[in-house]
Amino acid sequence: MRRDHRPYYIKKAHLKIQEYYARYFLKPRFDSLGEGFFFIHPWNLEVFGSPIEVGKYANILTTPENKVRLTVWPEKKGHGKIKIGDYCLICPGVRISSAEEIIIEDDCMMAGGAYITDADWHDVYDRVWSIGNAAPIHIEKNVWIGDNAVVCKGVTIGENSVIGARAVVTQSIPPNCIAAGNPARVVRELDPEKKLYKRSDWYADPEKLARDIDGIDRENMMGNSLMHWFRTILFPSKND
């Protein structure tokens, strides 16, 4: 499909259902979940273990074939933690798994299929009883983790840095740079003269943002009828 053919009121109803599901079935699974969260297809979000904390205005997007999984599974009592800051974006297929501690600060973006893990999950010799080595991960503010990148135990990724698609981060990355490859290495530094726009800038006025998005939906779906929508589902054409 080239565009959304649903009537405006159908999309609004779908968004309300998603909000209800997230608020009443998912929110209780978090140790804390800030205001203004927006989840797409929240029934494909799996939250297991504790503590798992997510800040305000979190966006978590999922699809049936690309679930998002947040998991705390410590080997020792008192270990294991996931803490995600404000204004963060988590795209379909992201997995965050902690046996020690994973801290993700404000404004971070995790692209589709990214994997963040602070443990090996099996020891090289004891592949039954031990999770192997584990060490905390710290992802500082405004980091962008690219598509299908892997962030391994014990690393820190500095503020504003970008991790390239399919990179494997095995050592700490400094702030304000782009890292890529396997293992990931710094390939370029960010231009300090250019202004960085963060997700928190987008949410500077949440009420106005909500009105603007709603206005775009109304305009894009103007003229969509229920019968037209059914027709595009049952008898799609190349112009749909």
C-alpha atoms as a PDB file:
ATOM      1  CA  MET A   1       0.000   0.000   0.000  1.00  0.00           C
ATOM      2  CA  ARG A   2       1.171   3.520  -0.868  1.00  0.00           C
ATOM      3  CA  ARG A   3      -0.732   5.152   2.012  1.00  0.00           C
ATOM      4  CA  ASP A   4      -3.082   4.493   4.900  1.00  0.00           C
ATOM      5  CA  HIS A   5      -6.586   3.933   3.530  1.00  0.00           C
ATOM      6  CA  ARG A   6      -8.331   3.645   6.874  1.00  0.00           C
ATOM      7  CA  PRO A   7     -10.950   6.239   7.800  1.00  0.00           C
ATOM      8  CA  TYR A   8      -9.594   8.711  10.309  1.00  0.00           C
ATOM      9  CA  TYR A   9     -11.901   7.481  13.087  1.00  0.00           C
ATOM     10  CA  ILE A  10     -10.715   3.874  12.579  1.00  0.00           C
ATOM     11  CA  LYS A  11      -7.088   4.897  13.082  1.00  0.00           C
ATOM     12  CA  LYS A  12      -7.995   6.910  16.177  1.00  0.00           C
ATOM     13  CA  ALA A  13      -9.850   3.917  17.604  1.00  0.00           C
ATOM     14  CA  HIS A  14      -6.851   1.681  16.900  1.00  0.00           C
ATOM     15  CA  LEU A  15      -4.538   4.114  18.692  1.00  0.00           C
ATOM     16  CA  LYS A  16      -6.892   4.163  21.681  1.00  0.00           C
ATOM     17  CA  ILE A  17      -6.874   0.350  21.829  1.00  0.00           C
ATOM     18  CA  GLN A  18      -3.068   0.336  21.750  1.00  0.00           C
ATOM     19  CA  GLU A  19      -2.921   2.970  24.495  1.00  0.00           C
ATOM     20  CA  TYR A  20      -5.373   0.997  26.653  1.00  0.00           C
ATOM     21  CA  TYR A  21      -3.409  -2.231  26.216  1.00  0.00           C
ATOM     22  CA  ALA A  22      -0.097  -0.545  27.053  1.00  0.00           C
ATOM     23  CA  ARG A  23      -1.498   1.243  30.090  1.00  0.00           C
ATOM     24  CA  TYR A  24      -3.359  -1.685  31.650  1.00  0.00           C
ATOM     25  CA  PHE A  25      -1.374  -4.740  30.556  1.00  0.00           C
ATOM     26  CA  LEU A  26       2.199  -3.507  30.000  1.00  0.00           C
ATOM     27  CA  LYS A  27       2.764  -0.623  32.395  1.00  0.00           C
ATOM     28  CA  PRO A  28       2.420  -2.848  35.500  1.00  0.00           C
ATOM     29  CA  ARG A  29       5.325  -4.985  34.228  1.00  0.00           C
ATOM     30  CA  PHE A  30       7.729  -2.044  34.463  1.00  0.00           C
ATOM     31  CA  ASP A  31       9.178  -0.870  37.747  1.00  0.00           C
ATOM     32  CA  SER A  32       8.530   2.603  36.376  1.00  0.00           C
ATOM     33  CA  LEU A  33       7.233   3.983  33.078  1.00  0.00           C
ATOM     34  CA  GLY A  34       7.116   7.743  32.549  1.00  0.00           C
ATOM     35  CA  GLU A  35       4.317   9.847  31.123  1.00  0.00           C
ATOM     36  CA  GLY A  36       3.684  10.318  27.421  1.00  0.00           C
ATOM     37  CA  PHE A  37       4.729   6.847  26.261  1.00  0.00           C
ATOM     38  CA  PHE A  38       3.641   5.761  22.777  1.00  0.00           C
ATOM     39  CA  PHE A  39       3.787   2.088  21.794  1.00  0.00           C
ATOM     40  CA  ILE A  40       2.968   0.685  18.350  1.00  0.00           C
ATOM     41  CA  HIS A  41       1.501  -2.846  18.509  1.00  0.00           C
ATOM     42  CA  PRO A  42       2.306  -3.109  22.237  1.00  0.00           C
ATOM     43  CA  TRP A  43       1.177  -6.764  22.322  1.00  0.00           C
ATOM     44  CA  ASN A  44       4.497  -7.536  20.595  1.00  0.00           C
ATOM     45  CA  LEU A  45       6.516  -6.027  23.475  1.00  0.00           C
ATOM     46  CA  GLU A  46       7.860  -8.549  25.991  1.00  0.00           C
ATOM     47  CA  VAL A  47       8.956  -7.295  29.415  1.00  0.00           C
ATOM     48  CA  PHE A  48      10.490  -9.899  31.727  1.00  0.00           C
ATOM     49  CA  GLY A  49      12.315  -9.549  35.038  1.00  0.00           C
ATOM     50  CA  SER A  50      13.084  -6.642  37.321  1.00  0.00           C
ATOM     51  CA  PRO A  51      14.060  -3.867  37.715  1.00  0.00           C
ATOM     52  CA  ILE A  52      13.171  -2.398  34.328  1.00  0.00           C
ATOM     53  CA  GLU A  53      12.657   1.376  34.229  1.00  0.00           C
ATOM     54  CA  VAL A  54      11.750   3.577  31.253  1.00  0.00           C
ATOM     55  CA  GLY A  55      11.527   7.380  31.332  1.00  0.00           C
ATOM     56  CA  LYS A  56       8.953   9.771  29.910  1.00  0.00           C
ATOM     57  CA  TYR A  57       7.902  10.060  26.257  1.00  0.00           C
ATOM     58  CA  ALA A  58       9.273   6.666  25.289  1.00  0.00           C
ATOM     59  CA  ASN A  59       8.475   5.438  21.763  1.00  0.00           C
ATOM     60  CA  ILE A  60       8.554   1.653  21.334  1.00  0.00           C
ATOM     61  CA  LEU A  61       7.647   0.314  17.890  1.00  0.00           C
ATOM     62  CA  THR A  62       7.045  -3.376  17.193  1.00  0.00           C
ATOM     63  CA  THR A  63       5.752  -5.656  14.466  1.00  0.00           C
ATOM     64  CA  PRO A  64       4.499  -9.255  14.760  1.00  0.00           C
ATOM     65  CA  GLU A  65       7.680 -10.614  13.170  1.00  0.00           C
ATOM     66  CA  ASN A  66      10.002  -8.195  15.025  1.00  0.00           C
ATOM     67  CA  LYS A  67       9.120  -8.142  18.705  1.00  0.00           C
ATOM     68  CA  VAL A  68      10.892  -5.948  21.233  1.00  0.00           C
ATOM     69  CA  ARG A  69      12.240  -7.790  24.272  1.00  0.00           C
ATOM     70  CA  LEU A  70      13.433  -6.210  27.529  1.00  0.00           C
ATOM     71  CA  THR A  71      14.813  -8.929  29.804  1.00  0.00           C
ATOM     72  CA  VAL A  72      16.518  -8.987  33.199  1.00  0.00           C
ATOM     73  CA  TRP A  73      17.905 -12.427  34.102  1.00  0.00           C
ATOM     74  CA  PRO A  74      20.606 -12.207  36.806  1.00  0.00           C
ATOM     75  CA  GLU A  75      22.805 -15.075  37.899  1.00  0.00           C
ATOM     76  CA  LYS A  76      23.143 -13.568  41.384  1.00  0.00           C
ATOM     77  CA  LYS A  77      20.552 -11.880  43.553  1.00  0.00           C
ATOM     78  CA  GLY A  78      20.808  -8.101  43.461  1.00  0.00           C
ATOM     79  CA  HIS A  79      22.259  -8.008  39.965  1.00  0.00           C
ATOM     80  CA  GLY A  80      20.553  -7.250  36.663  1.00  0.00           C
ATOM     81  CA  LYS A  81      18.930  -3.945  35.750  1.00  0.00           C
ATOM     82  CA  ILE A  82      17.667  -2.028  32.711  1.00  0.00           C
ATOM     83  CA  LYS A  83      17.214   1.724  33.025  1.00  0.00           C
ATOM     84  CA  ILE A  84      16.209   3.729  29.945  1.00  0.00           C
ATOM     85  CA  GLY A  85      15.992   7.521  30.078  1.00  0.00           C
ATOM     86  CA  ASP A  86      13.531  10.067  28.674  1.00  0.00           C
ATOM     87  CA  TYR A  87      12.624  10.576  24.986  1.00  0.00           C
ATOM     88  CA  CYS A  88      14.149   7.292  23.822  1.00  0.00           C
ATOM     89  CA  LEU A  89      13.159   5.452  20.640  1.00  0.00           C
ATOM     90  CA  ILE A  90      13.192   1.651  20.393  1.00  0.00           C
ATOM     91  CA  CYS A  91      12.483   0.214  16.934  1.00  0.00           C
ATOM     92  CA  PRO A  92      11.171  -3.234  15.938  1.00  0.00           C
ATOM     93  CA  GLY A  93      13.321  -6.236  16.774  1.00  0.00           C
ATOM     94  CA  VAL A  94      15.411  -4.562  19.492  1.00  0.00           C
ATOM     95  CA  ARG A  95      16.526  -6.825  22.343  1.00  0.00           C
ATOM     96  CA  ILE A  96      17.983  -5.541  25.608  1.00  0.00           C
ATOM     97  CA  SER A  97      19.141  -8.296  27.958  1.00  0.00           C
ATOM     98  CA  SER A  98      20.725  -7.709  31.361  1.00  0.00           C
ATOM     99  CA  ALA A  99      22.393  -9.905  33.951  1.00  0.00           C
ATOM    100  CA  GLU A 100      24.397  -7.031  35.484  1.00  0.00           C
ATOM    101  CA  GLU A 101      23.302  -3.476  34.570  1.00  0.00           C
ATOM    102  CA  ILE A 102      22.378  -1.569  31.407  1.00  0.00           C
ATOM    103  CA  ILE A 103      21.951   2.199  31.635  1.00  0.00           C
ATOM    104  CA  ILE A 104      20.658   4.059  28.556  1.00  0.00           C
ATOM    105  CA  GLU A 105      20.436   7.817  29.020  1.00  0.00           C
ATOM    106  CA  ASP A 106      18.020  10.381  27.521  1.00  0.00           C
ATOM    107  CA  ASP A 107      17.383  10.924  23.786  1.00  0.00           C
ATOM    108  CA  CYS A 108      18.878   7.617  22.629  1.00  0.00           C
ATOM    109  CA  MET A 109      17.663   5.818  19.508  1.00  0.00           C
ATOM    110  CA  MET A 110      17.934   2.079  18.907  1.00  0.00           C
ATOM    111  CA  ALA A 111      17.296   1.076  15.299  1.00  0.00           C
ATOM    112  CA  GLY A 112      15.672  -2.132  14.127  1.00  0.00           C
ATOM    113  CA  GLY A 113      17.234  -5.391  15.298  1.00  0.00           C
ATOM    114  CA  ALA A 114      19.802  -3.818  17.618  1.00  0.00           C
ATOM    115  CA  TYR A 115      20.965  -6.086  20.461  1.00  0.00           C
ATOM    116  CA  ILE A 116      22.328  -4.777  23.762  1.00  0.00           C
ATOM    117  CA  THR A 117      23.591  -7.367  26.229  1.00  0.00           C
ATOM    118  CA  ASP A 118      25.783  -7.123  29.305  1.00  0.00           C
ATOM    119  CA  ALA A 119      26.544 -10.854  29.559  1.00  0.00           C
ATOM    120  CA  ASP A 120      27.768 -13.807  27.503  1.00  0.00           C
ATOM    121  CA  TRP A 121      24.806 -15.938  28.708  1.00  0.00           C
ATOM    122  CA  HIS A 122      26.954 -19.114  28.592  1.00  0.00           C
ATOM    123  CA  ASP A 123      30.428 -19.757  29.943  1.00  0.00           C
ATOM    124  CA  VAL A 124      32.977 -21.073  27.471  1.00  0.00           C
ATOM    125  CA  TYR A 125      33.403 -24.260  29.557  1.00  0.00           C
ATOM    126  CA  ASP A 126      30.243 -24.376  31.695  1.00  0.00           C
ATOM    127  CA  ARG A 127      27.460 -24.118  29.155  1.00  0.00           C
ATOM    128  CA  VAL A 128      24.773 -25.344  31.532  1.00  0.00           C
ATOM    129  CA  TRP A 129      24.910 -23.534  34.885  1.00  0.00           C
ATOM    130  CA  SER A 130      26.819 -20.298  34.249  1.00  0.00           C
ATOM    131  CA  ILE A 131      25.950 -17.133  32.305  1.00  0.00           C
ATOM    132  CA  GLY A 132      29.659 -16.542  31.733  1.00  0.00           C
ATOM    133  CA  ASN A 133      31.172 -13.083  32.045  1.00  0.00           C
ATOM    134  CA  ALA A 134      29.002 -10.044  32.713  1.00  0.00           C
ATOM    135  CA  ALA A 135      29.840  -6.329  33.002  1.00  0.00           C
ATOM    136  CA  PRO A 136      27.723  -3.137  33.011  1.00  0.00           C
ATOM    137  CA  ILE A 137      26.884  -1.182  29.867  1.00  0.00           C
ATOM    138  CA  HIS A 138      26.501   2.605  29.873  1.00  0.00           C
ATOM    139  CA  ILE A 139      25.044   4.351  26.832  1.00  0.00           C
ATOM    140  CA  GLU A 140      25.261   8.108  27.303  1.00  0.00           C
ATOM    141  CA  LYS A 141      22.834  10.791  26.083  1.00  0.00           C
ATOM    142  CA  ASN A 142      21.722  11.121  22.473  1.00  0.00           C
ATOM    143  CA  VAL A 143      23.426   7.965  21.183  1.00  0.00           C
ATOM    144  CA  TRP A 144      22.105   6.407  17.969  1.00  0.00           C
ATOM    145  CA  ILE A 145      22.609   2.650  17.655  1.00  0.00           C
ATOM    146  CA  GLY A 146      22.232   1.545  14.040  1.00  0.00           C
ATOM    147  CA  ASP A 147      20.329  -1.270  12.419  1.00  0.00           C
ATOM    148  CA  ASN A 148      21.266  -4.748  13.728  1.00  0.00           C
ATOM    149  CA  ALA A 149      24.225  -3.418  15.718  1.00  0.00           C
ATOM    150  CA  VAL A 150      25.388  -5.397  18.768  1.00  0.00           C
ATOM    151  CA  VAL A 151      26.564  -3.715  21.967  1.00  0.00           C
ATOM    152  CA  CYS A 152      28.507  -6.111  24.174  1.00  0.00           C
ATOM    153  CA  LYS A 153      29.257  -6.274  27.894  1.00  0.00           C
ATOM    154  CA  GLY A 154      31.405  -3.758  29.722  1.00  0.00           C
ATOM    155  CA  VAL A 155      31.335  -0.905  27.201  1.00  0.00           C
ATOM    156  CA  THR A 156      30.485   2.762  27.432  1.00  0.00           C
ATOM    157  CA  ILE A 157      29.257   4.673  24.363  1.00  0.00           C
ATOM    158  CA  GLY A 158      29.904   8.387  24.689  1.00  0.00           C
ATOM    159  CA  GLU A 159      27.348  11.162  24.314  1.00  0.00           C
ATOM    160  CA  ASN A 160      26.039  11.927  20.788  1.00  0.00           C
ATOM    161  CA  SER A 161      27.946   9.070  19.151  1.00  0.00           C
ATOM    162  CA  VAL A 162      26.537   6.966  16.305  1.00  0.00           C
ATOM    163  CA  ILE A 163      27.045   3.207  15.986  1.00  0.00           C
ATOM    164  CA  GLY A 164      26.847   2.049  12.377  1.00  0.00           C
ATOM    165  CA  ALA A 165      24.581  -0.690  11.061  1.00  0.00           C
ATOM    166  CA  ARG A 166      25.707  -4.223  11.957  1.00  0.00           C
ATOM    167  CA  ALA A 167      28.618  -2.918  14.019  1.00  0.00           C
ATOM    168  CA  VAL A 168      29.765  -5.039  16.960  1.00  0.00           C
ATOM    169  CA  VAL A 169      30.794  -2.871  19.896  1.00  0.00           C
ATOM    170  CA  THR A 170      33.286  -4.756  22.072  1.00  0.00           C
ATOM    171  CA  GLN A 171      35.221  -1.753  23.416  1.00  0.00           C
ATOM    172  CA  SER A 172      34.129   1.652  24.677  1.00  0.00           C
ATOM    173  CA  ILE A 173      33.428   4.376  22.094  1.00  0.00           C
ATOM    174  CA  PRO A 174      34.227   8.044  22.879  1.00  0.00           C
ATOM    175  CA  PRO A 175      31.635  10.826  22.595  1.00  0.00           C
ATOM    176  CA  ASN A 176      30.817  12.793  19.425  1.00  0.00           C
ATOM    177  CA  CYS A 177      31.951  10.282  16.831  1.00  0.00           C
ATOM    178  CA  ILE A 178      30.761   7.634  14.379  1.00  0.00           C
ATOM    179  CA  ALA A 179      31.911   4.059  14.903  1.00  0.00           C
ATOM    180  CA  ALA A 180      31.437   1.126  12.532  1.00  0.00           C
ATOM    181  CA  GLY A 181      32.704  -2.350  11.762  1.00  0.00           C
ATOM    182  CA  ASN A 182      33.362  -5.616  13.580  1.00  0.00           C
ATOM    183  CA  PRO A 183      34.838  -4.890  16.035  1.00  0.00           C
ATOM    184  CA  ALA A 184      33.575  -1.300  15.978  1.00  0.00           C
ATOM    185  CA  ARG A 185      36.167   1.412  15.503  1.00  0.00           C
ATOM    186  CA  VAL A 186      35.873   5.196  15.245  1.00  0.00           C
ATOM    187  CA  VAL A 187      35.663   6.165  11.570  1.00  0.00           C
ATOM    188  CA  ARG A 188      34.782   9.848  11.876  1.00  0.00           C
ATOM    189  CA  GLU A 189      34.278  12.591  14.436  1.00  0.00           C
ATOM    190  CA  LEU A 190      31.159  14.737  14.458  1.00  0.00           C
ATOM    191  CA  ASP A 191      31.465  18.349  13.352  1.00  0.00           C
ATOM    192  CA  PRO A 192      31.401  20.460  16.547  1.00  0.00           C
ATOM    193  CA  GLU A 193      30.188  23.478  14.535  1.00  0.00           C
ATOM    194  CA  LYS A 194      26.916  21.817  13.541  1.00  0.00           C
ATOM    195  CA  LYS A 195      23.907  21.967  15.857  1.00  0.00           C
ATOM    196  CA  LEU A 196      22.604  18.635  17.134  1.00  0.00           C
ATOM    197  CA  TYR A 197      18.826  18.267  17.268  1.00  0.00           C
ATOM    198  CA  LYS A 198      17.641  15.737  19.845  1.00  0.00           C
ATOM    199  CA  ARG A 199      14.379  13.886  20.378  1.00  0.00           C
ATOM    200  CA  SER A 200      13.753  16.070  23.413  1.00  0.00           C
ATOM    201  CA  ASP A 201      13.670  19.065  21.015  1.00  0.00           C
ATOM    202  CA  TRP A 202      10.856  17.355  19.110  1.00  0.00           C
ATOM    203  CA  TYR A 203       8.940  16.991  22.385  1.00  0.00           C
ATOM    204  CA  ALA A 204       9.568  20.574  23.525  1.00  0.00           C
ATOM    205  CA  ASP A 205       5.798  21.207  23.351  1.00  0.00           C
ATOM    206  CA  PRO A 206       4.070  17.794  23.601  1.00  0.00           C
ATOM    207  CA  GLU A 207       0.547  19.169  23.271  1.00  0.00           C
ATOM    208  CA  LYS A 208       1.369  21.106  20.103  1.00  0.00           C
ATOM    209  CA  LEU A 209       3.161  18.045  18.692  1.00  0.00           C
ATOM    210  CA  ALA A 210       0.073  15.908  19.315  1.00  0.00           C
ATOM    211  CA  ARG A 211      -2.146  18.489  17.586  1.00  0.00           C
ATOM    212  CA  ASP A 212       0.213  18.710  14.612  1.00  0.00           C
ATOM    213  CA  ILE A 213       0.327  14.923  14.154  1.00  0.00           C
ATOM    214  CA  ASP A 214      -3.446  14.702  14.474  1.00  0.00           C
ATOM    215  CA  GLY A 215      -3.812  17.425  11.846  1.00  0.00           C
ATOM    216  CA  ILE A 216      -1.557  15.524   9.443  1.00  0.00           C
ATOM    217  CA  ASP A 217      -3.635  12.372   9.966  1.00  0.00           C
ATOM    218  CA  ARG A 218      -6.861  14.234   9.303  1.00  0.00           C
ATOM    219  CA  GLU A 219      -5.491  15.724   6.098  1.00  0.00           C
ATOM    220  CA  ASN A 220      -3.952  12.472   4.815  1.00  0.00           C
ATOM    221  CA  MET A 221      -7.104  10.452   5.522  1.00  0.00           C
ATOM    222  CA  MET A 222      -9.588  13.002   4.255  1.00  0.00           C
ATOM    223  CA  GLY A 223     -12.134  11.280   2.062  1.00  0.00           C
ATOM    224  CA  ASN A 224     -11.299   7.751   3.242  1.00  0.00           C
ATOM    225  CA  SER A 225     -14.532   5.816   3.725  1.00  0.00           C
ATOM    226  CA  LEU A 226     -15.193   2.437   5.298  1.00  0.00           C
ATOM    227  CA  MET A 227     -16.184   0.915   1.947  1.00  0.00           C
ATOM    228  CA  HIS A 228     -13.054   2.331   0.281  1.00  0.00           C
ATOM    229  CA  TRP A 229     -10.898   0.788   3.014  1.00  0.00           C
ATOM    230  CA  PHE A 230     -12.581  -2.616   2.622  1.00  0.00           C
ATOM    231  CA  ARG A 231     -12.071  -2.421  -1.138  1.00  0.00           C
ATOM    232  CA  THR A 232      -8.327  -1.815  -0.745  1.00  0.00           C
ATOM    233  CA  ILE A 233      -8.082  -4.869   1.532  1.00  0.00           C
ATOM    234  CA  LEU A 234     -10.183  -7.240  -0.627  1.00  0.00           C
ATOM    235  CA  PHE A 235      -9.387  -5.903  -4.095  1.00  0.00           C
ATOM    236  CA  PRO A 236      -6.130  -3.902  -3.943  1.00  0.00           C
ATOM    237  CA  SER A 237      -4.939  -2.063  -7.038  1.00  0.00           C
ATOM    238  CA  LYS A 238      -1.535  -0.727  -8.062  1.00  0.00           C
ATOM    239  CA  ASN A 239      -2.686   2.797  -7.228  1.00  0.00           C
ATOM    240  CA  ASP A 240      -3.519   1.948  -3.608  1.00  0.00           C
END
